[in-house]
Amino acid sequence: MCNTAFVGVFALEALLKLIGLGPTYYFYLDWNKFDFLVVVMSLVSMVDTGGGYGLTALRIIRVARLLRMIKSSKEL
């Protein structure tokens, strides 16, 4: 259930950034490309109920994304 909530939050964030920045500038930044790829892969993994081996790697990538967000935050 937490996995679904995090995927929803990240998908909403990506969608809002895509709308706010516009597709040209959004995909210009490498971190946005990485975030978008993680969101798409997460959505695909939610549909794939066959139990693939790539799901653990996906979770690791999402944790890396969270760590990057924490590291880049000036307030923390």
PDB file of N, CA and C in Angstrom:
ATOM      1  N   MET A   1       0.817  -1.181   0.000  1.00  0.00           N
ATOM      2  CA  MET A   1       0.000   0.000   0.000  1.00  0.00           C
ATOM      3  C   MET A   1       0.873   1.262   0.000  1.00  0.00           C
ATOM      4  N   CYS A   2       1.963   1.247   0.771  1.00  0.00           N
ATOM      5  CA  CYS A   2       2.884   2.395   0.783  1.00  0.00           C
ATOM      6  C   CYS A   2       3.529   2.586  -0.580  1.00  0.00           C
ATOM      7  N   ASN A   3       3.856   1.490  -1.234  1.00  0.00           N
ATOM      8  CA  ASN A   3       4.458   1.551  -2.565  1.00  0.00           C
ATOM      9  C   ASN A   3       3.540   2.300  -3.522  1.00  0.00           C
ATOM     10  N   THR A   4       2.262   1.977  -3.487  1.00  0.00           N
ATOM     11  CA  THR A   4       1.291   2.636  -4.358  1.00  0.00           C
ATOM     12  C   THR A   4       1.195   4.125  -4.034  1.00  0.00           C
ATOM     13  N   ALA A   5       1.226   4.460  -2.754  1.00  0.00           N
ATOM     14  CA  ALA A   5       1.151   5.872  -2.359  1.00  0.00           C
ATOM     15  C   ALA A   5       2.366   6.650  -2.862  1.00  0.00           C
ATOM     16  N   PHE A   6       3.566   6.073  -2.704  1.00  0.00           N
ATOM     17  CA  PHE A   6       4.766   6.764  -3.170  1.00  0.00           C
ATOM     18  C   PHE A   6       4.785   6.907  -4.689  1.00  0.00           C
ATOM     19  N   VAL A   7       4.366   5.875  -5.393  1.00  0.00           N
ATOM     20  CA  VAL A   7       4.302   5.974  -6.856  1.00  0.00           C
ATOM     21  C   VAL A   7       3.325   7.066  -7.261  1.00  0.00           C
ATOM     22  N   GLY A   8       2.203   7.166  -6.564  1.00  0.00           N
ATOM     23  CA  GLY A   8       1.224   8.214  -6.864  1.00  0.00           C
ATOM     24  C   GLY A   8       1.775   9.604  -6.621  1.00  0.00           C
ATOM     25  N   VAL A   9       2.481   9.787  -5.510  1.00  0.00           N
ATOM     26  CA  VAL A   9       3.067  11.094  -5.191  1.00  0.00           C
ATOM     27  C   VAL A   9       4.125  11.476  -6.223  1.00  0.00           C
ATOM     28  N   PHE A  10       4.998  10.532  -6.572  1.00  0.00           N
ATOM     29  CA  PHE A  10       6.044  10.820  -7.551  1.00  0.00           C
ATOM     30  C   PHE A  10       5.464  11.073  -8.940  1.00  0.00           C
ATOM     31  N   ALA A  11       4.419  10.339  -9.297  1.00  0.00           N
ATOM     32  CA  ALA A  11       3.781  10.558 -10.599  1.00  0.00           C
ATOM     33  C   ALA A  11       3.121  11.930 -10.643  1.00  0.00           C
ATOM     34  N   LEU A  12       2.468  12.317  -9.551  1.00  0.00           N
ATOM     35  CA  LEU A  12       1.849  13.639  -9.493  1.00  0.00           C
ATOM     36  C   LEU A  12       2.905  14.742  -9.568  1.00  0.00           C
ATOM     37  N   GLU A  13       4.012  14.542  -8.868  1.00  0.00           N
ATOM     38  CA  GLU A  13       5.102  15.524  -8.920  1.00  0.00           C
ATOM     39  C   GLU A  13       5.638  15.670 -10.345  1.00  0.00           C
ATOM     40  N   ALA A  14       5.875  14.549 -11.005  1.00  0.00           N
ATOM     41  CA  ALA A  14       6.392  14.592 -12.379  1.00  0.00           C
ATOM     42  C   ALA A  14       5.401  15.275 -13.308  1.00  0.00           C
ATOM     43  N   LEU A  15       4.118  14.977 -13.140  1.00  0.00           N
ATOM     44  CA  LEU A  15       3.096  15.584 -13.989  1.00  0.00           C
ATOM     45  C   LEU A  15       3.023  17.090 -13.774  1.00  0.00           C
ATOM     46  N   LEU A  16       3.053  17.527 -12.516  1.00  0.00           N
ATOM     47  CA  LEU A  16       2.990  18.961 -12.231  1.00  0.00           C
ATOM     48  C   LEU A  16       4.228  19.698 -12.746  1.00  0.00           C
ATOM     49  N   LYS A  17       5.402  19.079 -12.591  1.00  0.00           N
ATOM     50  CA  LYS A  17       6.622  19.704 -13.118  1.00  0.00           C
ATOM     51  C   LYS A  17       6.588  19.758 -14.641  1.00  0.00           C
ATOM     52  N   LEU A  18       6.061  18.718 -15.256  1.00  0.00           N
ATOM     53  CA  LEU A  18       5.961  18.690 -16.716  1.00  0.00           C
ATOM     54  C   LEU A  18       5.030  19.786 -17.214  1.00  0.00           C
ATOM     55  N   ILE A  19       3.925  19.981 -16.527  1.00  0.00           N
ATOM     56  CA  ILE A  19       2.987  21.040 -16.909  1.00  0.00           C
ATOM     57  C   ILE A  19       3.584  22.418 -16.607  1.00  0.00           C
ATOM     58  N   GLY A  20       4.197  22.553 -15.432  1.00  0.00           N
ATOM     59  CA  GLY A  20       4.728  23.856 -15.020  1.00  0.00           C
ATOM     60  C   GLY A  20       5.919  24.315 -15.840  1.00  0.00           C
ATOM     61  N   LEU A  21       6.832  23.410 -16.116  1.00  0.00           N
ATOM     62  CA  LEU A  21       8.048  23.781 -16.849  1.00  0.00           C
ATOM     63  C   LEU A  21       7.889  23.691 -18.359  1.00  0.00           C
ATOM     64  N   GLY A  22       6.943  22.888 -18.792  1.00  0.00           N
ATOM     65  CA  GLY A  22       6.795  22.631 -20.222  1.00  0.00           C
ATOM     66  C   GLY A  22       7.698  21.487 -20.623  1.00  0.00           C
ATOM     67  N   PRO A  23       7.299  20.726 -21.633  1.00  0.00           N
ATOM     68  CA  PRO A  23       8.074  19.537 -22.014  1.00  0.00           C
ATOM     69  C   PRO A  23       9.513  19.828 -22.435  1.00  0.00           C
ATOM     70  N   THR A  24       9.732  20.954 -23.106  1.00  0.00           N
ATOM     71  CA  THR A  24      11.073  21.252 -23.607  1.00  0.00           C
ATOM     72  C   THR A  24      12.063  21.443 -22.468  1.00  0.00           C
ATOM     73  N   TYR A  25      11.735  22.293 -21.506  1.00  0.00           N
ATOM     74  CA  TYR A  25      12.648  22.541 -20.396  1.00  0.00           C
ATOM     75  C   TYR A  25      12.670  21.370 -19.418  1.00  0.00           C
ATOM     76  N   TYR A  26      11.539  20.703 -19.235  1.00  0.00           N
ATOM     77  CA  TYR A  26      11.485  19.569 -18.313  1.00  0.00           C
ATOM     78  C   TYR A  26      12.467  18.483 -18.745  1.00  0.00           C
ATOM     79  N   PHE A  27      12.466  18.140 -20.001  1.00  0.00           N
ATOM     80  CA  PHE A  27      13.353  17.082 -20.485  1.00  0.00           C
ATOM     81  C   PHE A  27      14.755  17.584 -20.800  1.00  0.00           C
ATOM     82  N   TYR A  28      14.993  18.877 -20.653  1.00  0.00           N
ATOM     83  CA  TYR A  28      16.333  19.426 -20.832  1.00  0.00           C
ATOM     84  C   TYR A  28      17.230  19.058 -19.653  1.00  0.00           C
ATOM     85  N   LEU A  29      16.650  19.015 -18.451  1.00  0.00           N
ATOM     86  CA  LEU A  29      17.413  18.708 -17.243  1.00  0.00           C
ATOM     87  C   LEU A  29      17.534  17.199 -17.052  1.00  0.00           C
ATOM     88  N   ASP A  30      18.756  16.743 -16.781  1.00  0.00           N
ATOM     89  CA  ASP A  30      19.004  15.306 -16.660  1.00  0.00           C
ATOM     90  C   ASP A  30      18.292  14.681 -15.461  1.00  0.00           C
ATOM     91  N   TRP A  31      18.192  15.401 -14.341  1.00  0.00           N
ATOM     92  CA  TRP A  31      17.515  14.837 -13.166  1.00  0.00           C
ATOM     93  C   TRP A  31      16.040  14.631 -13.446  1.00  0.00           C
ATOM     94  N   ASN A  32      15.434  15.520 -14.233  1.00  0.00           N
ATOM     95  CA  ASN A  32      14.028  15.341 -14.577  1.00  0.00           C
ATOM     96  C   ASN A  32      13.842  14.121 -15.469  1.00  0.00           C
ATOM     97  N   LYS A  33      14.793  13.887 -16.364  1.00  0.00           N
ATOM     98  CA  LYS A  33      14.724  12.683 -17.204  1.00  0.00           C
ATOM     99  C   LYS A  33      14.791  11.442 -16.331  1.00  0.00           C
ATOM    100  N   PHE A  34      15.704  11.455 -15.351  1.00  0.00           N
ATOM    101  CA  PHE A  34      15.851  10.329 -14.441  1.00  0.00           C
ATOM    102  C   PHE A  34      14.567  10.123 -13.618  1.00  0.00           C
ATOM    103  N   ASP A  35      14.020  11.204 -13.075  1.00  0.00           N
ATOM    104  CA  ASP A  35      12.785  11.113 -12.303  1.00  0.00           C
ATOM    105  C   ASP A  35      11.636  10.561 -13.147  1.00  0.00           C
ATOM    106  N   PHE A  36      11.521  11.050 -14.374  1.00  0.00           N
ATOM    107  CA  PHE A  36      10.451  10.592 -15.255  1.00  0.00           C
ATOM    108  C   PHE A  36      10.612   9.106 -15.563  1.00  0.00           C
ATOM    109  N   LEU A  37      11.832   8.672 -15.799  1.00  0.00           N
ATOM    110  CA  LEU A  37      12.092   7.261 -16.075  1.00  0.00           C
ATOM    111  C   LEU A  37      11.725   6.394 -14.868  1.00  0.00           C
ATOM    112  N   VAL A  38      12.067   6.852 -13.678  1.00  0.00           N
ATOM    113  CA  VAL A  38      11.727   6.104 -12.456  1.00  0.00           C
ATOM    114  C   VAL A  38      10.215   6.010 -12.293  1.00  0.00           C
ATOM    115  N   VAL A  39       9.509   7.098 -12.552  1.00  0.00           N
ATOM    116  CA  VAL A  39       8.048   7.090 -12.429  1.00  0.00           C
ATOM    117  C   VAL A  39       7.432   6.132 -13.445  1.00  0.00           C
ATOM    118  N   VAL A  40       7.882   6.193 -14.681  1.00  0.00           N
ATOM    119  CA  VAL A  40       7.334   5.301 -15.708  1.00  0.00           C
ATOM    120  C   VAL A  40       7.624   3.845 -15.370  1.00  0.00           C
ATOM    121  N   MET A  41       8.853   3.556 -14.947  1.00  0.00           N
ATOM    122  CA  MET A  41       9.196   2.176 -14.589  1.00  0.00           C
ATOM    123  C   MET A  41       8.386   1.711 -13.381  1.00  0.00           C
ATOM    124  N   SER A  42       8.116   2.597 -12.436  1.00  0.00           N
ATOM    125  CA  SER A  42       7.319   2.244 -11.274  1.00  0.00           C
ATOM    126  C   SER A  42       5.881   1.936 -11.665  1.00  0.00           C
ATOM    127  N   LEU A  43       5.337   2.745 -12.564  1.00  0.00           N
ATOM    128  CA  LEU A  43       3.974   2.482 -13.030  1.00  0.00           C
ATOM    129  C   LEU A  43       3.888   1.161 -13.783  1.00  0.00           C
ATOM    130  N   VAL A  44       4.906   0.876 -14.589  1.00  0.00           N
ATOM    131  CA  VAL A  44       4.936  -0.402 -15.319  1.00  0.00           C
ATOM    132  C   VAL A  44       5.058  -1.566 -14.343  1.00  0.00           C
ATOM    133  N   SER A  45       5.870  -1.409 -13.297  1.00  0.00           N
ATOM    134  CA  SER A  45       6.044  -2.495 -12.341  1.00  0.00           C
ATOM    135  C   SER A  45       4.767  -2.758 -11.556  1.00  0.00           C
ATOM    136  N   MET A  46       3.938  -1.734 -11.374  1.00  0.00           N
ATOM    137  CA  MET A  46       2.667  -1.943 -10.683  1.00  0.00           C
ATOM    138  C   MET A  46       1.710  -2.764 -11.538  1.00  0.00           C
ATOM    139  N   VAL A  47       1.803  -2.624 -12.853  1.00  0.00           N
ATOM    140  CA  VAL A  47       0.946  -3.383 -13.758  1.00  0.00           C
ATOM    141  C   VAL A  47       1.443  -4.816 -13.881  1.00  0.00           C
ATOM    142  N   ASP A  48       2.761  -4.995 -13.849  1.00  0.00           N
ATOM    143  CA  ASP A  48       3.363  -6.321 -13.984  1.00  0.00           C
ATOM    144  C   ASP A  48       3.199  -7.083 -12.672  1.00  0.00           C
ATOM    145  N   THR A  49       2.196  -7.931 -12.618  1.00  0.00           N
ATOM    146  CA  THR A  49       1.953  -8.712 -11.404  1.00  0.00           C
ATOM    147  C   THR A  49       2.588 -10.085 -11.488  1.00  0.00           C
ATOM    148  N   GLY A  50       3.343 -10.354 -12.533  1.00  0.00           N
ATOM    149  CA  GLY A  50       3.987 -11.647 -12.700  1.00  0.00           C
ATOM    150  C   GLY A  50       5.173 -11.853 -11.783  1.00  0.00           C
ATOM    151  N   GLY A  51       5.597 -10.851 -11.070  1.00  0.00           N
ATOM    152  CA  GLY A  51       6.708 -10.981 -10.131  1.00  0.00           C
ATOM    153  C   GLY A  51       8.046 -11.030 -10.834  1.00  0.00           C
ATOM    154  N   GLY A  52       8.451  -9.914 -11.391  1.00  0.00           N
ATOM    155  CA  GLY A  52       9.730  -9.850 -12.094  1.00  0.00           C
ATOM    156  C   GLY A  52      10.886  -9.585 -11.153  1.00  0.00           C
ATOM    157  N   TYR A  53      12.086  -9.894 -11.613  1.00  0.00           N
ATOM    158  CA  TYR A  53      13.282  -9.692 -10.800  1.00  0.00           C
ATOM    159  C   TYR A  53      13.694  -8.237 -10.759  1.00  0.00           C
ATOM    160  N   GLY A  54      13.173  -7.425 -11.663  1.00  0.00           N
ATOM    161  CA  GLY A  54      13.549  -6.024 -11.735  1.00  0.00           C
ATOM    162  C   GLY A  54      12.879  -5.154 -10.682  1.00  0.00           C
ATOM    163  N   LEU A  55      11.929  -5.703  -9.938  1.00  0.00           N
ATOM    164  CA  LEU A  55      11.209  -4.893  -8.962  1.00  0.00           C
ATOM    165  C   LEU A  55      12.110  -4.449  -7.822  1.00  0.00           C
ATOM    166  N   THR A  56      13.019  -5.299  -7.383  1.00  0.00           N
ATOM    167  CA  THR A  56      13.940  -4.912  -6.313  1.00  0.00           C
ATOM    168  C   THR A  56      14.867  -3.796  -6.788  1.00  0.00           C
ATOM    169  N   ALA A  57      15.340  -3.899  -8.004  1.00  0.00           N
ATOM    170  CA  ALA A  57      16.195  -2.844  -8.557  1.00  0.00           C
ATOM    171  C   ALA A  57      15.434  -1.531  -8.649  1.00  0.00           C
ATOM    172  N   LEU A  58      14.162  -1.603  -8.988  1.00  0.00           N
ATOM    173  CA  LEU A  58      13.340  -0.400  -9.058  1.00  0.00           C
ATOM    174  C   LEU A  58      13.217   0.265  -7.703  1.00  0.00           C
ATOM    175  N   ARG A  59      13.051  -0.518  -6.673  1.00  0.00           N
ATOM    176  CA  ARG A  59      12.948   0.045  -5.328  1.00  0.00           C
ATOM    177  C   ARG A  59      14.251   0.717  -4.925  1.00  0.00           C
ATOM    178  N   ILE A  60      15.369   0.118  -5.304  1.00  0.00           N
ATOM    179  CA  ILE A  60      16.671   0.717  -5.001  1.00  0.00           C
ATOM    180  C   ILE A  60      16.820   2.051  -5.719  1.00  0.00           C
ATOM    181  N   ILE A  61      16.376   2.126  -6.963  1.00  0.00           N
ATOM    182  CA  ILE A  61      16.457   3.373  -7.725  1.00  0.00           C
ATOM    183  C   ILE A  61      15.591   4.443  -7.076  1.00  0.00           C
ATOM    184  N   ARG A  62      14.417   4.065  -6.589  1.00  0.00           N
ATOM    185  CA  ARG A  62      13.551   5.048  -5.936  1.00  0.00           C
ATOM    186  C   ARG A  62      14.160   5.548  -4.639  1.00  0.00           C
ATOM    187  N   VAL A  63      14.820   4.670  -3.899  1.00  0.00           N
ATOM    188  CA  VAL A  63      15.502   5.099  -2.673  1.00  0.00           C
ATOM    189  C   VAL A  63      16.625   6.059  -3.030  1.00  0.00           C
ATOM    190  N   ALA A  64      17.355   5.775  -4.100  1.00  0.00           N
ATOM    191  CA  ALA A  64      18.419   6.674  -4.548  1.00  0.00           C
ATOM    192  C   ALA A  64      17.837   8.037  -4.911  1.00  0.00           C
ATOM    193  N   ARG A  65      16.670   8.053  -5.504  1.00  0.00           N
ATOM    194  CA  ARG A  65      16.009   9.307  -5.857  1.00  0.00           C
ATOM    195  C   ARG A  65      15.667  10.087  -4.595  1.00  0.00           C
ATOM    196  N   LEU A  66      15.152   9.402  -3.578  1.00  0.00           N
ATOM    197  CA  LEU A  66      14.843  10.077  -2.322  1.00  0.00           C
ATOM    198  C   LEU A  66      16.102  10.651  -1.675  1.00  0.00           C
ATOM    199  N   LEU A  67      17.172   9.886  -1.692  1.00  0.00           N
ATOM    200  CA  LEU A  67      18.428  10.367  -1.116  1.00  0.00           C
ATOM    201  C   LEU A  67      18.952  11.583  -1.866  1.00  0.00           C
ATOM    202  N   ARG A  68      18.791  11.593  -3.185  1.00  0.00           N
ATOM    203  CA  ARG A  68      19.210  12.749  -3.973  1.00  0.00           C
ATOM    204  C   ARG A  68      18.394  13.972  -3.594  1.00  0.00           C
ATOM    205  N   MET A  69      17.095  13.784  -3.378  1.00  0.00           N
ATOM    206  CA  MET A  69      16.240  14.916  -2.995  1.00  0.00           C
ATOM    207  C   MET A  69      16.645  15.451  -1.632  1.00  0.00           C
ATOM    208  N   ILE A  70      16.960  14.569  -0.701  1.00  0.00           N
ATOM    209  CA  ILE A  70      17.372  14.996   0.638  1.00  0.00           C
ATOM    210  C   ILE A  70      18.707  15.717   0.580  1.00  0.00           C
ATOM    211  N   LYS A  71      19.633  15.189  -0.219  1.00  0.00           N
ATOM    212  CA  LYS A  71      20.960  15.787  -0.326  1.00  0.00           C
ATOM    213  C   LYS A  71      20.896  17.184  -0.936  1.00  0.00           C
ATOM    214  N   SER A  72      20.017  17.374  -1.902  1.00  0.00           N
ATOM    215  CA  SER A  72      19.944  18.663  -2.576  1.00  0.00           C
ATOM    216  C   SER A  72      19.100  19.678  -1.818  1.00  0.00           C
ATOM    217  N   SER A  73      18.409  19.245  -0.765  1.00  0.00           N
ATOM    218  CA  SER A  73      17.576  20.145   0.005  1.00  0.00           C
ATOM    219  C   SER A  73      18.450  21.019   0.910  1.00  0.00           C
ATOM    220  N   LYS A  74      18.282  22.298   0.833  1.00  0.00           N
ATOM    221  CA  LYS A  74      19.072  23.235   1.616  1.00  0.00           C
ATOM    222  C   LYS A  74      18.602  23.276   3.070  1.00  0.00           C
ATOM    223  N   GLU A  75      17.330  22.964   3.306  1.00  0.00           N
ATOM    224  CA  GLU A  75      16.783  23.071   4.658  1.00  0.00           C
ATOM    225  C   GLU A  75      17.228  21.931   5.544  1.00  0.00           C
ATOM    226  N   LEU A  76      17.579  20.785   4.985  1.00  0.00           N
ATOM    227  CA  LEU A  76      17.912  19.638   5.825  1.00  0.00           C
ATOM    228  C   LEU A  76      19.334  19.680   6.224  1.00  0.00           C
TER     229      LEU A  76
END
